[in-house]
Amino acid sequence: MKWGVIVGLLVAAGAMYVVIRRQGLGEAIPGGEARNLNPRAYNPRELRVGTAIEMEHTTSRRVAREIAMDHLTEDPRYYTNLCRWHRDAACKKL
């Protein structure tokens, strides 16, 4: 087993997970659509709002940003579309 650093907690589907970053890996959550992509590749407002919204699932901004990046890789306007249906405080930043 490799040692790593706990970077946060993730709550999804009623379960809580401890997110560990292994030594030498750049991702907080291995895999995903946005693996090894730079946050600068995304619309900064979409990423900022997405990170704020995803903080409801985790205690780590890094994990929340990575989740947001995964969603934005699938749909660059993911949070704009989400905010049309859900009035979240973070949506006011869009």
C-alpha atoms as a PDB file:
ATOM      1  CA  MET A   1       0.000   0.000   0.000  1.00  0.00           C
ATOM      2  CA  LYS A   2       1.248   3.465  -0.894  1.00  0.00           C
ATOM      3  CA  TRP A   3       0.983   6.286   1.595  1.00  0.00           C
ATOM      4  CA  GLY A   4      -0.917   9.410   0.764  1.00  0.00           C
ATOM      5  CA  VAL A   5      -2.340  12.597   2.168  1.00  0.00           C
ATOM      6  CA  ILE A   6      -6.001  12.983   3.124  1.00  0.00           C
ATOM      7  CA  VAL A   7      -7.279  15.939   1.121  1.00  0.00           C
ATOM      8  CA  GLY A   8     -10.927  15.914   2.153  1.00  0.00           C
ATOM      9  CA  LEU A   9     -14.188  14.092   2.519  1.00  0.00           C
ATOM     10  CA  LEU A  10     -16.642  13.382  -0.274  1.00  0.00           C
ATOM     11  CA  VAL A  11     -20.314  12.669   0.382  1.00  0.00           C
ATOM     12  CA  ALA A  12     -22.185  11.096  -2.514  1.00  0.00           C
ATOM     13  CA  ALA A  13     -25.176   8.797  -2.789  1.00  0.00           C
ATOM     14  CA  GLY A  14     -25.596   8.741   0.988  1.00  0.00           C
ATOM     15  CA  ALA A  15     -22.080   7.471   1.650  1.00  0.00           C
ATOM     16  CA  MET A  16     -19.008   9.292   2.938  1.00  0.00           C
ATOM     17  CA  TYR A  17     -15.590   8.693   1.373  1.00  0.00           C
ATOM     18  CA  VAL A  18     -12.166   9.838   2.505  1.00  0.00           C
ATOM     19  CA  VAL A  19     -10.270  11.316  -0.442  1.00  0.00           C
ATOM     20  CA  ILE A  20      -6.573  10.521  -0.388  1.00  0.00           C
ATOM     21  CA  ARG A  21      -3.960  11.956  -2.727  1.00  0.00           C
ATOM     22  CA  ARG A  22      -1.145   9.503  -3.278  1.00  0.00           C
ATOM     23  CA  GLN A  23       2.423  10.703  -3.413  1.00  0.00           C
ATOM     24  CA  GLY A  24       3.296  11.866  -6.906  1.00  0.00           C
ATOM     25  CA  LEU A  25      -0.218  11.974  -8.359  1.00  0.00           C
ATOM     26  CA  GLY A  26      -1.671  15.327  -9.329  1.00  0.00           C
ATOM     27  CA  GLU A  27      -5.315  14.363  -9.048  1.00  0.00           C
ATOM     28  CA  ALA A  28      -7.309  14.344  -5.832  1.00  0.00           C
ATOM     29  CA  ILE A  29      -9.735  11.819  -7.342  1.00  0.00           C
ATOM     30  CA  PRO A  30      -8.106   9.354  -9.765  1.00  0.00           C
ATOM     31  CA  GLY A  31      -9.732   9.073 -13.179  1.00  0.00           C
ATOM     32  CA  GLY A  32     -12.664  11.173 -14.255  1.00  0.00           C
ATOM     33  CA  GLU A  33     -13.275  13.148 -17.415  1.00  0.00           C
ATOM     34  CA  ALA A  34     -10.866  15.963 -16.525  1.00  0.00           C
ATOM     35  CA  ARG A  35      -7.879  13.812 -15.595  1.00  0.00           C
ATOM     36  CA  ASN A  36      -4.613  15.729 -15.886  1.00  0.00           C
ATOM     37  CA  LEU A  37      -6.280  18.820 -17.398  1.00  0.00           C
ATOM     38  CA  ASN A  38      -5.344  22.328 -16.317  1.00  0.00           C
ATOM     39  CA  PRO A  39      -8.038  24.388 -14.542  1.00  0.00           C
ATOM     40  CA  ARG A  40      -7.128  27.290 -16.863  1.00  0.00           C
ATOM     41  CA  ALA A  41      -8.678  25.310 -19.730  1.00  0.00           C
ATOM     42  CA  TYR A  42     -12.159  26.127 -18.389  1.00  0.00           C
ATOM     43  CA  ASN A  43     -14.314  29.228 -18.287  1.00  0.00           C
ATOM     44  CA  PRO A  44     -13.239  30.824 -14.972  1.00  0.00           C
ATOM     45  CA  ARG A  45     -16.771  31.839 -13.966  1.00  0.00           C
ATOM     46  CA  GLU A  46     -18.197  28.386 -14.679  1.00  0.00           C
ATOM     47  CA  LEU A  47     -15.359  26.778 -12.712  1.00  0.00           C
ATOM     48  CA  ARG A  48     -15.733  29.184  -9.773  1.00  0.00           C
ATOM     49  CA  VAL A  49     -19.488  28.594  -9.539  1.00  0.00           C
ATOM     50  CA  GLY A  50     -19.057  24.854 -10.060  1.00  0.00           C
ATOM     51  CA  THR A  51     -16.488  24.627  -7.287  1.00  0.00           C
ATOM     52  CA  ALA A  52     -18.803  26.498  -4.911  1.00  0.00           C
ATOM     53  CA  ILE A  53     -21.739  24.244  -5.765  1.00  0.00           C
ATOM     54  CA  GLU A  54     -19.703  21.034  -5.442  1.00  0.00           C
ATOM     55  CA  MET A  55     -18.517  22.082  -1.952  1.00  0.00           C
ATOM     56  CA  GLU A  56     -21.811  20.626  -0.708  1.00  0.00           C
ATOM     57  CA  HIS A  57     -20.275  17.172  -1.353  1.00  0.00           C
ATOM     58  CA  THR A  58     -16.812  17.634   0.161  1.00  0.00           C
ATOM     59  CA  THR A  59     -14.679  19.546   2.661  1.00  0.00           C
ATOM     60  CA  SER A  60     -11.886  20.093   0.140  1.00  0.00           C
ATOM     61  CA  ARG A  61     -11.887  22.921  -2.417  1.00  0.00           C
ATOM     62  CA  ARG A  62      -9.446  20.878  -4.486  1.00  0.00           C
ATOM     63  CA  VAL A  63     -11.839  17.920  -4.672  1.00  0.00           C
ATOM     64  CA  ALA A  64     -14.785  20.231  -5.427  1.00  0.00           C
ATOM     65  CA  ARG A  65     -12.820  21.885  -8.251  1.00  0.00           C
ATOM     66  CA  GLU A  66     -11.935  18.497  -9.713  1.00  0.00           C
ATOM     67  CA  ILE A  67     -15.602  17.400  -9.635  1.00  0.00           C
ATOM     68  CA  ALA A  68     -16.562  20.681 -11.320  1.00  0.00           C
ATOM     69  CA  MET A  69     -13.882  20.158 -13.970  1.00  0.00           C
ATOM     70  CA  ASP A  70     -15.276  16.678 -14.690  1.00  0.00           C
ATOM     71  CA  HIS A  71     -18.745  18.157 -15.240  1.00  0.00           C
ATOM     72  CA  LEU A  72     -17.403  21.011 -17.380  1.00  0.00           C
ATOM     73  CA  THR A  73     -15.460  18.581 -19.553  1.00  0.00           C
ATOM     74  CA  GLU A  74     -18.745  16.854 -20.393  1.00  0.00           C
ATOM     75  CA  ASP A  75     -20.656  20.149 -20.870  1.00  0.00           C
ATOM     76  CA  PRO A  76     -18.836  23.538 -20.824  1.00  0.00           C
ATOM     77  CA  ARG A  77     -22.102  25.221 -19.711  1.00  0.00           C
ATOM     78  CA  TYR A  78     -23.007  22.594 -17.091  1.00  0.00           C
ATOM     79  CA  TYR A  79     -23.427  25.079 -14.225  1.00  0.00           C
ATOM     80  CA  THR A  80     -25.184  27.709 -16.350  1.00  0.00           C
ATOM     81  CA  ASN A  81     -27.738  25.057 -17.277  1.00  0.00           C
ATOM     82  CA  LEU A  82     -27.930  23.760 -13.706  1.00  0.00           C
ATOM     83  CA  CYS A  83     -28.585  27.253 -12.370  1.00  0.00           C
ATOM     84  CA  ARG A  84     -31.577  27.629 -14.671  1.00  0.00           C
ATOM     85  CA  TRP A  85     -33.308  24.911 -12.660  1.00  0.00           C
ATOM     86  CA  HIS A  86     -31.804  25.265  -9.182  1.00  0.00           C
ATOM     87  CA  ARG A  87     -31.482  28.638  -7.513  1.00  0.00           C
ATOM     88  CA  ASP A  88     -28.280  28.194  -5.529  1.00  0.00           C
ATOM     89  CA  ALA A  89     -26.463  31.102  -3.880  1.00  0.00           C
ATOM     90  CA  ALA A  90     -23.383  30.245  -5.966  1.00  0.00           C
ATOM     91  CA  CYS A  91     -25.441  30.733  -9.144  1.00  0.00           C
ATOM     92  CA  LYS A  92     -25.513  34.485  -8.552  1.00  0.00           C
ATOM     93  CA  LYS A  93     -21.822  34.571  -9.506  1.00  0.00           C
ATOM     94  CA  LEU A  94     -22.593  33.505 -13.088  1.00  0.00           C
END
